[in-house]
């Protein structure tokens, strides 16, 4: 596998939202606090806001990198 590091694009938003959702759920479960559903939702909304801030400010307010498999559809 060959990885490409790049900045997020508008076309990545849906995949990033899903990624954040799964990571947050998994983390809360592993920490034994999966019942804190409202906290998970708040954390997810915050992460989505951060990505939007990155895209809107072109990295001035928030800054993300993506590691993408060069063979994937996320180029």
PDB file of N, CA and C in Angstrom:
ATOM      1  N   UNK A   1       0.853  -1.170   0.000  1.00  0.00           N
ATOM      2  CA  UNK A   1       0.000   0.000   0.000  1.00  0.00           C
ATOM      3  C   UNK A   1       0.903   1.238   0.000  1.00  0.00           C
ATOM      4  N   UNK A   2       0.554   2.173  -0.828  1.00  0.00           N
ATOM      5  CA  UNK A   2       1.292   3.424  -0.903  1.00  0.00           C
ATOM      6  C   UNK A   2       0.356   4.547  -0.462  1.00  0.00           C
ATOM      7  N   UNK A   3       0.776   5.305   0.567  1.00  0.00           N
ATOM      8  CA  UNK A   3      -0.068   6.366   1.094  1.00  0.00           C
ATOM      9  C   UNK A   3       0.294   7.720   0.518  1.00  0.00           C
ATOM     10  N   UNK A   4      -0.726   8.510   0.333  1.00  0.00           N
ATOM     11  CA  UNK A   4      -0.587   9.879  -0.130  1.00  0.00           C
ATOM     12  C   UNK A   4      -1.079  10.777   0.992  1.00  0.00           C
ATOM     13  N   UNK A   5      -0.273  11.719   1.434  1.00  0.00           N
ATOM     14  CA  UNK A   5      -0.696  12.704   2.422  1.00  0.00           C
ATOM     15  C   UNK A   5      -1.177  13.941   1.691  1.00  0.00           C
ATOM     16  N   UNK A   6      -2.388  14.380   2.055  1.00  0.00           N
ATOM     17  CA  UNK A   6      -2.942  15.564   1.401  1.00  0.00           C
ATOM     18  C   UNK A   6      -3.951  16.230   2.307  1.00  0.00           C
ATOM     19  N   UNK A   7      -4.319  17.427   1.948  1.00  0.00           N
ATOM     20  CA  UNK A   7      -5.326  18.184   2.665  1.00  0.00           C
ATOM     21  C   UNK A   7      -6.711  17.663   2.282  1.00  0.00           C
ATOM     22  N   UNK A   8      -7.679  17.768   3.204  1.00  0.00           N
ATOM     23  CA  UNK A   8      -9.038  17.335   2.866  1.00  0.00           C
ATOM     24  C   UNK A   8      -9.665  18.225   1.803  1.00  0.00           C
ATOM     25  N   UNK A   9     -10.574  17.632   1.065  1.00  0.00           N
ATOM     26  CA  UNK A   9     -11.327  18.344   0.038  1.00  0.00           C
ATOM     27  C   UNK A   9     -12.808  18.216   0.355  1.00  0.00           C
ATOM     28  N   UNK A  10     -13.604  19.051  -0.248  1.00  0.00           N
ATOM     29  CA  UNK A  10     -15.048  19.016  -0.019  1.00  0.00           C
ATOM     30  C   UNK A  10     -15.617  17.621  -0.276  1.00  0.00           C
ATOM     31  N   UNK A  11     -15.072  16.930  -1.248  1.00  0.00           N
ATOM     32  CA  UNK A  11     -15.565  15.591  -1.594  1.00  0.00           C
ATOM     33  C   UNK A  11     -15.253  14.547  -0.513  1.00  0.00           C
ATOM     34  N   UNK A  12     -14.421  14.879   0.458  1.00  0.00           N
ATOM     35  CA  UNK A  12     -14.060  13.965   1.539  1.00  0.00           C
ATOM     36  C   UNK A  12     -14.992  14.059   2.742  1.00  0.00           C
ATOM     37  N   UNK A  13     -15.845  15.064   2.777  1.00  0.00           N
ATOM     38  CA  UNK A  13     -16.637  15.366   3.966  1.00  0.00           C
ATOM     39  C   UNK A  13     -17.435  14.161   4.462  1.00  0.00           C
ATOM     40  N   UNK A  14     -18.183  13.517   3.616  1.00  0.00           N
ATOM     41  CA  UNK A  14     -19.017  12.385   4.043  1.00  0.00           C
ATOM     42  C   UNK A  14     -18.172  11.275   4.650  1.00  0.00           C
ATOM     43  N   UNK A  15     -17.079  10.929   4.007  1.00  0.00           N
ATOM     44  CA  UNK A  15     -16.210   9.871   4.518  1.00  0.00           C
ATOM     45  C   UNK A  15     -15.582  10.277   5.848  1.00  0.00           C
ATOM     46  N   UNK A  16     -15.199  11.526   5.995  1.00  0.00           N
ATOM     47  CA  UNK A  16     -14.633  12.000   7.254  1.00  0.00           C
ATOM     48  C   UNK A  16     -15.661  11.971   8.373  1.00  0.00           C
ATOM     49  N   UNK A  17     -16.889  12.366   8.094  1.00  0.00           N
ATOM     50  CA  UNK A  17     -17.948  12.322   9.101  1.00  0.00           C
ATOM     51  C   UNK A  17     -18.172  10.883   9.577  1.00  0.00           C
ATOM     52  N   UNK A  18     -18.195   9.947   8.644  1.00  0.00           N
ATOM     53  CA  UNK A  18     -18.369   8.532   9.003  1.00  0.00           C
ATOM     54  C   UNK A  18     -17.180   8.030   9.823  1.00  0.00           C
ATOM     55  N   UNK A  19     -15.982   8.417   9.410  1.00  0.00           N
ATOM     56  CA  UNK A  19     -14.770   8.025  10.128  1.00  0.00           C
ATOM     57  C   UNK A  19     -14.819   8.530  11.566  1.00  0.00           C
ATOM     58  N   UNK A  20     -15.123   9.808  11.757  1.00  0.00           N
ATOM     59  CA  UNK A  20     -15.212  10.371  13.103  1.00  0.00           C
ATOM     60  C   UNK A  20     -16.259   9.631  13.937  1.00  0.00           C
ATOM     61  N   UNK A  21     -17.414   9.362  13.343  1.00  0.00           N
ATOM     62  CA  UNK A  21     -18.493   8.672  14.043  1.00  0.00           C
ATOM     63  C   UNK A  21     -18.015   7.320  14.567  1.00  0.00           C
ATOM     64  N   UNK A  22     -17.365   6.550  13.715  1.00  0.00           N
ATOM     65  CA  UNK A  22     -16.909   5.218  14.101  1.00  0.00           C
ATOM     66  C   UNK A  22     -15.787   5.274  15.135  1.00  0.00           C
ATOM     67  N   UNK A  23     -14.859   6.194  14.972  1.00  0.00           N
ATOM     68  CA  UNK A  23     -13.755   6.322  15.927  1.00  0.00           C
ATOM     69  C   UNK A  23     -14.276   6.739  17.296  1.00  0.00           C
ATOM     70  N   UNK A  24     -15.193   7.681  17.333  1.00  0.00           N
ATOM     71  CA  UNK A  24     -15.754   8.138  18.612  1.00  0.00           C
ATOM     72  C   UNK A  24     -16.514   7.004  19.294  1.00  0.00           C
ATOM     73  N   UNK A  25     -17.362   6.300  18.544  1.00  0.00           N
ATOM     74  CA  UNK A  25     -18.098   5.172  19.124  1.00  0.00           C
ATOM     75  C   UNK A  25     -17.143   4.117  19.673  1.00  0.00           C
ATOM     76  N   UNK A  26     -16.135   3.775  18.907  1.00  0.00           N
ATOM     77  CA  UNK A  26     -15.164   2.765  19.315  1.00  0.00           C
ATOM     78  C   UNK A  26     -14.402   3.203  20.558  1.00  0.00           C
ATOM     79  N   UNK A  27     -13.976   4.439  20.598  1.00  0.00           N
ATOM     80  CA  UNK A  27     -13.226   4.955  21.737  1.00  0.00           C
ATOM     81  C   UNK A  27     -14.071   4.931  23.003  1.00  0.00           C
ATOM     82  N   UNK A  28     -15.306   5.390  22.915  1.00  0.00           N
ATOM     83  CA  UNK A  28     -16.181   5.378  24.087  1.00  0.00           C
ATOM     84  C   UNK A  28     -16.432   3.943  24.560  1.00  0.00           C
ATOM     85  N   UNK A  29     -16.609   3.024  23.626  1.00  0.00           N
ATOM     86  CA  UNK A  29     -16.828   1.624  23.996  1.00  0.00           C
ATOM     87  C   UNK A  29     -15.602   1.049  24.693  1.00  0.00           C
ATOM     88  N   UNK A  30     -14.423   1.302  24.150  1.00  0.00           N
ATOM     89  CA  UNK A  30     -13.193   0.783  24.748  1.00  0.00           C
ATOM     90  C   UNK A  30     -12.919   1.387  26.116  1.00  0.00           C
ATOM     91  N   UNK A  31     -13.367   2.606  26.325  1.00  0.00           N
ATOM     92  CA  UNK A  31     -13.190   3.265  27.621  1.00  0.00           C
ATOM     93  C   UNK A  31     -14.288   2.876  28.616  1.00  0.00           C
ATOM     94  N   UNK A  32     -15.256   2.081  28.170  1.00  0.00           N
ATOM     95  CA  UNK A  32     -16.317   1.620  29.047  1.00  0.00           C
ATOM     96  C   UNK A  32     -17.385   2.662  29.330  1.00  0.00           C
ATOM     97  N   UNK A  33     -17.512   3.631  28.420  1.00  0.00           N
ATOM     98  CA  UNK A  33     -18.491   4.710  28.621  1.00  0.00           C
ATOM     99  C   UNK A  33     -19.418   4.850  27.407  1.00  0.00           C
ATOM    100  N   UNK A  34     -19.702   3.739  26.765  1.00  0.00           N
ATOM    101  CA  UNK A  34     -20.535   3.741  25.558  1.00  0.00           C
ATOM    102  C   UNK A  34     -21.933   4.274  25.819  1.00  0.00           C
ATOM    103  N   UNK A  35     -22.372   4.233  27.073  1.00  0.00           N
ATOM    104  CA  UNK A  35     -23.714   4.721  27.391  1.00  0.00           C
ATOM    105  C   UNK A  35     -23.826   6.247  27.313  1.00  0.00           C
ATOM    106  N   UNK A  36     -22.719   6.953  27.205  1.00  0.00           N
ATOM    107  CA  UNK A  36     -22.734   8.416  27.118  1.00  0.00           C
ATOM    108  C   UNK A  36     -22.995   8.862  25.677  1.00  0.00           C
ATOM    109  N   UNK A  37     -24.164   8.526  25.200  1.00  0.00           N
ATOM    110  CA  UNK A  37     -24.535   8.766  23.806  1.00  0.00           C
ATOM    111  C   UNK A  37     -24.582  10.261  23.488  1.00  0.00           C
ATOM    112  N   UNK A  38     -25.104  11.069  24.396  1.00  0.00           N
ATOM    113  CA  UNK A  38     -25.157  12.519  24.159  1.00  0.00           C
ATOM    114  C   UNK A  38     -23.754  13.104  24.039  1.00  0.00           C
ATOM    115  N   UNK A  39     -22.840  12.643  24.874  1.00  0.00           N
ATOM    116  CA  UNK A  39     -21.450  13.108  24.792  1.00  0.00           C
ATOM    117  C   UNK A  39     -20.820  12.718  23.460  1.00  0.00           C
ATOM    118  N   UNK A  40     -21.116  11.505  23.004  1.00  0.00           N
ATOM    119  CA  UNK A  40     -20.594  11.055  21.719  1.00  0.00           C
ATOM    120  C   UNK A  40     -21.111  11.944  20.594  1.00  0.00           C
ATOM    121  N   UNK A  41     -22.387  12.262  20.653  1.00  0.00           N
ATOM    122  CA  UNK A  41     -23.002  13.108  19.625  1.00  0.00           C
ATOM    123  C   UNK A  41     -22.357  14.489  19.625  1.00  0.00           C
ATOM    124  N   UNK A  42     -22.125  15.048  20.808  1.00  0.00           N
ATOM    125  CA  UNK A  42     -21.488  16.362  20.908  1.00  0.00           C
ATOM    126  C   UNK A  42     -20.066  16.328  20.351  1.00  0.00           C
ATOM    127  N   UNK A  43     -19.343  15.264  20.669  1.00  0.00           N
ATOM    128  CA  UNK A  43     -17.970  15.110  20.163  1.00  0.00           C
ATOM    129  C   UNK A  43     -17.972  15.012  18.635  1.00  0.00           C
ATOM    130  N   UNK A  44     -18.915  14.268  18.097  1.00  0.00           N
ATOM    131  CA  UNK A  44     -19.025  14.100  16.648  1.00  0.00           C
ATOM    132  C   UNK A  44     -19.349  15.433  15.980  1.00  0.00           C
ATOM    133  N   UNK A  45     -20.285  16.174  16.537  1.00  0.00           N
ATOM    134  CA  UNK A  45     -20.643  17.482  15.975  1.00  0.00           C
ATOM    135  C   UNK A  45     -19.444  18.432  16.010  1.00  0.00           C
ATOM    136  N   UNK A  46     -18.666  18.376  17.080  1.00  0.00           N
ATOM    137  CA  UNK A  46     -17.485  19.224  17.192  1.00  0.00           C
ATOM    138  C   UNK A  46     -16.456  18.878  16.117  1.00  0.00           C
ATOM    139  N   UNK A  47     -16.233  17.590  15.905  1.00  0.00           N
ATOM    140  CA  UNK A  47     -15.273  17.168  14.871  1.00  0.00           C
ATOM    141  C   UNK A  47     -15.737  17.609  13.486  1.00  0.00           C
ATOM    142  N   UNK A  48     -17.026  17.484  13.218  1.00  0.00           N
ATOM    143  CA  UNK A  48     -17.549  17.927  11.919  1.00  0.00           C
ATOM    144  C   UNK A  48     -17.356  19.436  11.760  1.00  0.00           C
ATOM    145  N   UNK A  49     -17.552  20.172  12.841  1.00  0.00           N
ATOM    146  CA  UNK A  49     -17.352  21.624  12.807  1.00  0.00           C
ATOM    147  C   UNK A  49     -15.883  21.960  12.520  1.00  0.00           C
ATOM    148  N   UNK A  50     -14.966  21.227  13.142  1.00  0.00           N
ATOM    149  CA  UNK A  50     -13.538  21.467  12.929  1.00  0.00           C
ATOM    150  C   UNK A  50     -13.139  21.255  11.470  1.00  0.00           C
ATOM    151  N   UNK A  51     -13.649  20.203  10.860  1.00  0.00           N
ATOM    152  CA  UNK A  51     -13.336  19.964   9.437  1.00  0.00           C
ATOM    153  C   UNK A  51     -13.915  21.080   8.573  1.00  0.00           C
ATOM    154  N   UNK A  52     -15.131  21.507   8.878  1.00  0.00           N
ATOM    155  CA  UNK A  52     -15.741  22.605   8.121  1.00  0.00           C
ATOM    156  C   UNK A  52     -14.909  23.879   8.276  1.00  0.00           C
ATOM    157  N   UNK A  53     -14.413  24.132   9.501  1.00  0.00           N
ATOM    158  CA  UNK A  53     -13.577  25.308   9.735  1.00  0.00           C
ATOM    159  C   UNK A  53     -12.291  25.229   8.913  1.00  0.00           C
ATOM    160  N   UNK A  54     -11.720  24.039   8.830  1.00  0.00           N
ATOM    161  CA  UNK A  54     -10.509  23.848   8.031  1.00  0.00           C
ATOM    162  C   UNK A  54     -10.776  24.200   6.573  1.00  0.00           C
ATOM    163  N   UNK A  55     -11.821  23.623   6.027  1.00  0.00           N
ATOM    164  CA  UNK A  55     -12.114  23.863   4.611  1.00  0.00           C
ATOM    165  C   UNK A  55     -12.467  25.327   4.345  1.00  0.00           C
ATOM    166  N   UNK A  56     -13.287  25.913   5.215  1.00  0.00           N
ATOM    167  CA  UNK A  56     -13.708  27.297   5.007  1.00  0.00           C
ATOM    168  C   UNK A  56     -12.563  28.291   5.153  1.00  0.00           C
ATOM    169  N   UNK A  57     -11.631  28.012   6.056  1.00  0.00           N
ATOM    170  CA  UNK A  57     -10.528  28.942   6.305  1.00  0.00           C
ATOM    171  C   UNK A  57      -9.256  28.567   5.550  1.00  0.00           C
ATOM    172  N   UNK A  58      -9.341  27.495   4.776  1.00  0.00           N
ATOM    173  CA  UNK A  58      -8.171  26.975   4.047  1.00  0.00           C
ATOM    174  C   UNK A  58      -6.998  26.700   4.987  1.00  0.00           C
ATOM    175  N   UNK A  59      -7.341  26.124   6.128  1.00  0.00           N
ATOM    176  CA  UNK A  59      -6.324  25.717   7.084  1.00  0.00           C
ATOM    177  C   UNK A  59      -5.885  26.780   8.068  1.00  0.00           C
ATOM    178  N   UNK A  60      -6.487  27.943   8.020  1.00  0.00           N
ATOM    179  CA  UNK A  60      -6.085  29.014   8.933  1.00  0.00           C
ATOM    180  C   UNK A  60      -6.612  28.795  10.351  1.00  0.00           C
ATOM    181  N   UNK A  61      -7.850  28.318  10.502  1.00  0.00           N
ATOM    182  CA  UNK A  61      -8.458  28.144  11.827  1.00  0.00           C
ATOM    183  C   UNK A  61      -8.285  26.733  12.369  1.00  0.00           C
ATOM    184  N   UNK A  62      -8.365  25.754  11.528  1.00  0.00           N
ATOM    185  CA  UNK A  62      -8.130  24.342  11.849  1.00  0.00           C
ATOM    186  C   UNK A  62      -7.356  23.763  10.678  1.00  0.00           C
ATOM    187  N   UNK A  63      -6.620  22.681  10.943  1.00  0.00           N
ATOM    188  CA  UNK A  63      -5.776  22.120   9.893  1.00  0.00           C
ATOM    189  C   UNK A  63      -5.766  20.600  10.009  1.00  0.00           C
ATOM    190  N   UNK A  64      -6.143  19.933   8.950  1.00  0.00           N
ATOM    191  CA  UNK A  64      -6.159  18.474   8.902  1.00  0.00           C
ATOM    192  C   UNK A  64      -5.288  17.982   7.753  1.00  0.00           C
ATOM    193  N   UNK A  65      -4.719  16.818   7.962  1.00  0.00           N
ATOM    194  CA  UNK A  65      -4.067  16.054   6.906  1.00  0.00           C
ATOM    195  C   UNK A  65      -4.835  14.748   6.764  1.00  0.00           C
ATOM    196  N   UNK A  66      -4.890  14.242   5.549  1.00  0.00           N
ATOM    197  CA  UNK A  66      -5.460  12.921   5.294  1.00  0.00           C
ATOM    198  C   UNK A  66      -4.358  12.017   4.765  1.00  0.00           C
ATOM    199  N   UNK A  67      -4.346  10.782   5.223  1.00  0.00           N
ATOM    200  CA  UNK A  67      -3.482   9.757   4.660  1.00  0.00           C
ATOM    201  C   UNK A  67      -4.397   8.871   3.821  1.00  0.00           C
ATOM    202  N   UNK A  68      -4.170   8.855   2.524  1.00  0.00           N
ATOM    203  CA  UNK A  68      -5.074   8.179   1.594  1.00  0.00           C
ATOM    204  C   UNK A  68      -4.297   7.131   0.807  1.00  0.00           C
ATOM    205  N   UNK A  69      -4.887   5.957   0.691  1.00  0.00           N
ATOM    206  CA  UNK A  69      -4.319   4.914  -0.156  1.00  0.00           C
ATOM    207  C   UNK A  69      -4.368   5.427  -1.593  1.00  0.00           C
ATOM    208  N   UNK A  70      -3.240   5.522  -2.253  1.00  0.00           N
ATOM    209  CA  UNK A  70      -3.192   6.066  -3.607  1.00  0.00           C
ATOM    210  C   UNK A  70      -4.085   5.318  -4.589  1.00  0.00           C
ATOM    211  N   UNK A  71      -4.416   4.082  -4.274  1.00  0.00           N
ATOM    212  CA  UNK A  71      -5.243   3.275  -5.143  1.00  0.00           C
ATOM    213  C   UNK A  71      -6.735   3.457  -4.879  1.00  0.00           C
ATOM    214  N   UNK A  72      -7.063   4.209  -3.819  1.00  0.00           N
ATOM    215  CA  UNK A  72      -8.467   4.382  -3.465  1.00  0.00           C
ATOM    216  C   UNK A  72      -9.141   5.443  -4.327  1.00  0.00           C
ATOM    217  N   UNK A  73     -10.435   5.615  -4.106  1.00  0.00           N
ATOM    218  CA  UNK A  73     -11.207   6.588  -4.861  1.00  0.00           C
ATOM    219  C   UNK A  73     -11.108   7.983  -4.272  1.00  0.00           C
ATOM    220  N   UNK A  74     -10.404   8.172  -3.158  1.00  0.00           N
ATOM    221  CA  UNK A  74     -10.348   9.466  -2.464  1.00  0.00           C
ATOM    222  C   UNK A  74      -9.229  10.371  -2.969  1.00  0.00           C
ATOM    223  N   UNK A  75      -8.761  10.190  -4.150  1.00  0.00           N
ATOM    224  CA  UNK A  75      -7.679  11.033  -4.673  1.00  0.00           C
ATOM    225  C   UNK A  75      -8.129  12.429  -4.922  1.00  0.00           C
TER     226      UNK A  75
END
